[in-house]
């Protein structure tokens, strides 16, 4: 379970490619990859560009017409799978991002 008070970041070793509204994520170190449909891709985009998972969830709730509890479960499951496959990292929302070198 991912704490919604945290935020997610894309590790530097993850390659993201968008194709026809969908995305493919590849961990260059483990060679694990994950395909996202249009909905998953939109969740990814909002999550990785938000200062917290909770704020991302709020944006998704405004955008998608689905029961809030259903959205929370699906969003949490997606993020959990991506973290488990080392395609996202969860960090505290109050920790600033460091620029890539």
N, C-alpha and C. Protein backbone atom coordinates (compact mmCIF):
# COMPACT_ATOMS: atom_id res chain seq x y z
N UNK A 1 0.84 -1.19 0.00
CA UNK A 1 0.00 0.00 0.00
C UNK A 1 0.88 1.24 0.00
N UNK A 2 0.60 2.14 -0.88
CA UNK A 2 1.35 3.38 -1.02
C UNK A 2 0.66 4.46 -0.21
N UNK A 3 1.43 5.15 0.64
CA UNK A 3 0.87 6.24 1.44
C UNK A 3 0.62 7.45 0.55
N UNK A 4 -0.60 7.95 0.55
CA UNK A 4 -0.97 9.06 -0.32
C UNK A 4 -0.36 10.38 0.11
N UNK A 5 0.25 10.44 1.30
CA UNK A 5 0.92 11.66 1.74
C UNK A 5 2.29 11.81 1.10
N UNK A 6 2.81 10.74 0.52
CA UNK A 6 4.11 10.76 -0.16
C UNK A 6 3.93 11.20 -1.61
N UNK A 7 5.02 11.18 -2.35
CA UNK A 7 4.96 11.45 -3.78
C UNK A 7 5.78 10.38 -4.50
N UNK A 8 5.60 10.30 -5.80
CA UNK A 8 6.37 9.33 -6.59
C UNK A 8 7.33 10.06 -7.50
N UNK A 9 8.45 9.42 -7.76
CA UNK A 9 9.44 9.96 -8.69
C UNK A 9 9.87 8.83 -9.62
N UNK A 10 10.26 9.21 -10.80
CA UNK A 10 10.75 8.25 -11.79
C UNK A 10 12.26 8.12 -11.61
N UNK A 11 12.74 6.91 -11.31
CA UNK A 11 14.18 6.73 -11.17
C UNK A 11 14.89 7.03 -12.50
N UNK A 12 16.14 7.43 -12.42
CA UNK A 12 16.90 7.79 -13.62
C UNK A 12 17.13 6.60 -14.54
N UNK A 13 17.03 5.40 -14.02
CA UNK A 13 17.26 4.19 -14.82
C UNK A 13 15.98 3.65 -15.46
N UNK A 14 14.90 4.43 -15.43
CA UNK A 14 13.64 4.03 -16.06
C UNK A 14 13.44 4.84 -17.33
N UNK A 15 13.23 4.13 -18.41
CA UNK A 15 12.97 4.72 -19.71
C UNK A 15 11.47 4.70 -19.97
N UNK A 16 10.91 5.81 -20.41
CA UNK A 16 9.47 5.92 -20.67
C UNK A 16 9.29 6.31 -22.13
N UNK A 17 8.45 5.56 -22.82
CA UNK A 17 8.12 5.88 -24.21
C UNK A 17 6.61 5.89 -24.38
N UNK A 18 6.10 6.93 -25.04
CA UNK A 18 4.67 7.06 -25.31
C UNK A 18 4.40 6.66 -26.75
N UNK A 19 3.37 5.82 -26.93
CA UNK A 19 2.99 5.36 -28.26
C UNK A 19 1.46 5.35 -28.35
N UNK A 20 0.91 6.18 -29.23
CA UNK A 20 -0.54 6.21 -29.46
C UNK A 20 -1.36 6.35 -28.18
N UNK A 21 -0.95 7.26 -27.29
CA UNK A 21 -1.70 7.51 -26.06
C UNK A 21 -1.45 6.52 -24.95
N UNK A 22 -0.59 5.55 -25.18
CA UNK A 22 -0.23 4.58 -24.16
C UNK A 22 1.25 4.74 -23.85
N UNK A 23 1.73 4.05 -22.81
CA UNK A 23 3.13 4.18 -22.43
C UNK A 23 3.75 2.82 -22.15
N UNK A 24 5.04 2.74 -22.39
CA UNK A 24 5.84 1.58 -22.03
C UNK A 24 6.94 2.08 -21.11
N UNK A 25 7.08 1.44 -19.96
CA UNK A 25 8.09 1.80 -18.98
C UNK A 25 9.10 0.66 -18.91
N UNK A 26 10.38 0.98 -18.96
CA UNK A 26 11.43 -0.04 -18.94
C UNK A 26 12.46 0.31 -17.89
N UNK A 27 12.70 -0.63 -16.98
CA UNK A 27 13.77 -0.48 -16.01
C UNK A 27 15.03 -0.99 -16.70
N UNK A 28 15.97 -0.11 -17.00
CA UNK A 28 17.18 -0.46 -17.73
C UNK A 28 18.12 -1.36 -16.92
N UNK A 29 17.99 -1.35 -15.60
CA UNK A 29 18.86 -2.18 -14.76
C UNK A 29 18.34 -3.62 -14.65
N UNK A 30 17.05 -3.78 -14.49
CA UNK A 30 16.47 -5.12 -14.30
C UNK A 30 15.86 -5.69 -15.58
N UNK A 31 15.69 -4.83 -16.58
CA UNK A 31 15.05 -5.17 -17.85
C UNK A 31 13.57 -5.53 -17.68
N UNK A 32 12.97 -5.15 -16.55
CA UNK A 32 11.53 -5.33 -16.36
C UNK A 32 10.82 -4.20 -17.08
N UNK A 33 9.72 -4.53 -17.73
CA UNK A 33 8.97 -3.49 -18.41
C UNK A 33 7.49 -3.64 -18.09
N UNK A 34 6.76 -2.59 -18.36
CA UNK A 34 5.35 -2.51 -18.00
C UNK A 34 4.66 -1.69 -19.07
N UNK A 35 3.58 -2.19 -19.61
CA UNK A 35 2.79 -1.44 -20.56
C UNK A 35 1.58 -0.84 -19.88
N UNK A 36 1.30 0.41 -20.17
CA UNK A 36 0.15 1.10 -19.59
C UNK A 36 -0.83 1.46 -20.70
N UNK A 37 -2.11 1.20 -20.46
CA UNK A 37 -3.14 1.65 -21.40
C UNK A 37 -3.32 3.15 -21.22
N UNK A 38 -4.26 3.72 -21.95
CA UNK A 38 -4.45 5.17 -21.91
C UNK A 38 -4.78 5.67 -20.50
N UNK A 39 -5.61 4.93 -19.78
CA UNK A 39 -5.97 5.34 -18.42
C UNK A 39 -4.77 5.26 -17.49
N UNK A 40 -4.03 4.16 -17.56
CA UNK A 40 -2.83 4.01 -16.74
C UNK A 40 -1.79 5.05 -17.07
N UNK A 41 -1.67 5.38 -18.35
CA UNK A 41 -0.72 6.40 -18.76
C UNK A 41 -1.10 7.76 -18.18
N UNK A 42 -2.37 8.07 -18.20
CA UNK A 42 -2.82 9.35 -17.62
C UNK A 42 -2.55 9.38 -16.12
N UNK A 43 -2.80 8.26 -15.44
CA UNK A 43 -2.51 8.18 -14.00
C UNK A 43 -1.02 8.39 -13.75
N UNK A 44 -0.20 7.76 -14.58
CA UNK A 44 1.27 7.90 -14.48
C UNK A 44 1.67 9.36 -14.65
N UNK A 45 1.16 10.01 -15.68
CA UNK A 45 1.52 11.40 -15.96
C UNK A 45 1.17 12.31 -14.80
N UNK A 46 -0.03 12.16 -14.29
CA UNK A 46 -0.46 13.03 -13.19
C UNK A 46 0.32 12.72 -11.92
N UNK A 47 0.52 11.44 -11.62
CA UNK A 47 1.24 11.06 -10.40
C UNK A 47 2.67 11.56 -10.41
N UNK A 48 3.34 11.43 -11.54
CA UNK A 48 4.76 11.81 -11.60
C UNK A 48 4.97 13.32 -11.72
N UNK A 49 3.90 14.06 -11.91
CA UNK A 49 4.00 15.52 -12.01
C UNK A 49 3.30 16.24 -10.86
N UNK A 50 2.96 15.52 -9.81
CA UNK A 50 2.25 16.12 -8.68
C UNK A 50 3.14 16.11 -7.44
N UNK A 51 2.97 17.10 -6.57
CA UNK A 51 3.80 17.16 -5.36
C UNK A 51 3.44 16.10 -4.31
N UNK A 52 2.30 15.42 -4.46
CA UNK A 52 1.96 14.31 -3.58
C UNK A 52 0.99 13.38 -4.30
N UNK A 53 0.94 12.16 -3.83
CA UNK A 53 0.00 11.19 -4.41
C UNK A 53 -1.43 11.63 -4.14
N UNK A 54 -1.67 12.22 -2.98
CA UNK A 54 -3.02 12.69 -2.64
C UNK A 54 -3.49 13.78 -3.61
N UNK A 55 -2.61 14.72 -3.94
CA UNK A 55 -2.97 15.76 -4.90
C UNK A 55 -3.20 15.18 -6.30
N UNK A 56 -2.39 14.18 -6.65
CA UNK A 56 -2.60 13.49 -7.94
C UNK A 56 -3.96 12.81 -7.94
N UNK A 57 -4.29 12.15 -6.86
CA UNK A 57 -5.59 11.49 -6.74
C UNK A 57 -6.73 12.51 -6.91
N UNK A 58 -6.58 13.68 -6.31
CA UNK A 58 -7.60 14.73 -6.45
C UNK A 58 -7.78 15.16 -7.89
N UNK A 59 -6.68 15.31 -8.61
CA UNK A 59 -6.75 15.68 -10.03
C UNK A 59 -7.42 14.58 -10.84
N UNK A 60 -7.08 13.34 -10.53
CA UNK A 60 -7.70 12.21 -11.24
C UNK A 60 -9.19 12.13 -10.94
N UNK A 61 -9.57 12.38 -9.69
CA UNK A 61 -10.98 12.35 -9.31
C UNK A 61 -11.77 13.41 -10.08
N UNK A 62 -11.16 14.56 -10.32
CA UNK A 62 -11.81 15.61 -11.11
C UNK A 62 -11.93 15.21 -12.58
N UNK A 63 -10.97 14.46 -13.06
CA UNK A 63 -10.90 14.12 -14.48
C UNK A 63 -11.72 12.88 -14.86
N UNK A 64 -11.69 11.86 -13.99
CA UNK A 64 -12.37 10.61 -14.29
C UNK A 64 -13.73 10.55 -13.60
N UNK A 65 -14.69 10.00 -14.27
CA UNK A 65 -16.04 9.87 -13.71
C UNK A 65 -16.20 8.46 -13.16
N UNK A 66 -15.72 8.27 -11.94
CA UNK A 66 -15.74 6.98 -11.28
C UNK A 66 -15.90 7.21 -9.78
N UNK A 67 -16.43 6.23 -9.09
CA UNK A 67 -16.58 6.34 -7.63
C UNK A 67 -15.21 6.60 -7.00
N UNK A 68 -15.13 7.54 -6.07
CA UNK A 68 -13.84 7.87 -5.45
C UNK A 68 -13.11 6.68 -4.84
N UNK A 69 -13.85 5.79 -4.17
CA UNK A 69 -13.20 4.63 -3.55
C UNK A 69 -12.63 3.68 -4.60
N UNK A 70 -13.33 3.52 -5.71
CA UNK A 70 -12.86 2.66 -6.79
C UNK A 70 -11.58 3.24 -7.39
N UNK A 71 -11.60 4.55 -7.63
CA UNK A 71 -10.41 5.21 -8.16
C UNK A 71 -9.24 5.07 -7.22
N UNK A 72 -9.46 5.27 -5.94
CA UNK A 72 -8.38 5.17 -4.95
C UNK A 72 -7.75 3.78 -4.97
N UNK A 73 -8.58 2.75 -5.02
CA UNK A 73 -8.08 1.38 -5.04
C UNK A 73 -7.27 1.12 -6.31
N UNK A 74 -7.81 1.49 -7.46
CA UNK A 74 -7.12 1.24 -8.73
C UNK A 74 -5.82 2.04 -8.82
N UNK A 75 -5.84 3.28 -8.40
CA UNK A 75 -4.66 4.13 -8.43
C UNK A 75 -3.59 3.56 -7.49
N UNK A 76 -3.99 3.18 -6.31
CA UNK A 76 -3.07 2.60 -5.34
C UNK A 76 -2.46 1.30 -5.86
N UNK A 77 -3.29 0.46 -6.47
CA UNK A 77 -2.79 -0.80 -7.02
C UNK A 77 -1.79 -0.56 -8.15
N UNK A 78 -2.08 0.38 -9.04
CA UNK A 78 -1.16 0.69 -10.12
C UNK A 78 0.17 1.17 -9.57
N UNK A 79 0.13 2.13 -8.67
CA UNK A 79 1.37 2.65 -8.09
C UNK A 79 2.14 1.56 -7.37
N UNK A 80 1.43 0.70 -6.64
CA UNK A 80 2.08 -0.40 -5.93
C UNK A 80 2.80 -1.35 -6.88
N UNK A 81 2.17 -1.67 -8.01
CA UNK A 81 2.80 -2.55 -9.00
C UNK A 81 4.03 -1.89 -9.62
N UNK A 82 3.93 -0.61 -9.88
CA UNK A 82 5.07 0.11 -10.47
C UNK A 82 6.24 0.21 -9.49
N UNK A 83 5.94 0.43 -8.23
CA UNK A 83 6.98 0.47 -7.20
C UNK A 83 7.60 -0.92 -7.05
N UNK A 84 6.76 -1.93 -6.99
CA UNK A 84 7.24 -3.31 -6.85
C UNK A 84 8.17 -3.71 -7.99
N UNK A 85 7.89 -3.22 -9.18
CA UNK A 85 8.72 -3.53 -10.34
C UNK A 85 9.84 -2.52 -10.56
N UNK A 86 10.05 -1.66 -9.56
CA UNK A 86 11.13 -0.66 -9.56
C UNK A 86 11.04 0.31 -10.74
N UNK A 87 9.80 0.65 -11.10
CA UNK A 87 9.57 1.62 -12.17
C UNK A 87 9.20 2.99 -11.62
N UNK A 88 8.92 3.05 -10.34
CA UNK A 88 8.67 4.29 -9.59
C UNK A 88 9.28 4.13 -8.21
N UNK A 89 9.63 5.26 -7.61
CA UNK A 89 10.07 5.28 -6.21
C UNK A 89 9.11 6.18 -5.45
N UNK A 90 8.83 5.81 -4.21
CA UNK A 90 8.01 6.62 -3.32
C UNK A 90 8.95 7.35 -2.37
N UNK A 91 8.77 8.65 -2.29
CA UNK A 91 9.58 9.48 -1.39
C UNK A 91 8.64 10.39 -0.61
N UNK A 92 9.09 10.87 0.56
CA UNK A 92 8.26 11.82 1.30
C UNK A 92 8.01 13.06 0.46
N UNK A 93 6.82 13.60 0.56
CA UNK A 93 6.46 14.76 -0.27
C UNK A 93 7.23 16.02 0.10
N UNK A 94 7.82 16.05 1.29
CA UNK A 94 8.55 17.24 1.70
C UNK A 94 10.04 17.19 1.34
N UNK A 95 10.46 16.12 0.67
CA UNK A 95 11.87 16.01 0.24
C UNK A 95 11.96 16.57 -1.18
N UNK A 96 12.79 17.61 -1.37
CA UNK A 96 12.89 18.20 -2.71
C UNK A 96 13.56 17.25 -3.69
N UNK A 97 13.23 17.40 -4.95
CA UNK A 97 13.87 16.62 -6.00
C UNK A 97 15.25 17.19 -6.27
N UNK A 98 16.18 16.29 -6.48
CA UNK A 98 17.53 16.72 -6.85
C UNK A 98 17.65 16.67 -8.36
N UNK A 99 18.33 17.61 -8.95
CA UNK A 99 18.51 17.56 -10.41
C UNK A 99 19.37 16.37 -10.80
N UNK A 100 19.05 15.77 -11.94
CA UNK A 100 19.85 14.68 -12.48
C UNK A 100 21.19 15.22 -12.92
N UNK A 101 22.24 14.45 -12.70
CA UNK A 101 23.60 14.86 -13.11
C UNK A 101 24.00 14.06 -14.34
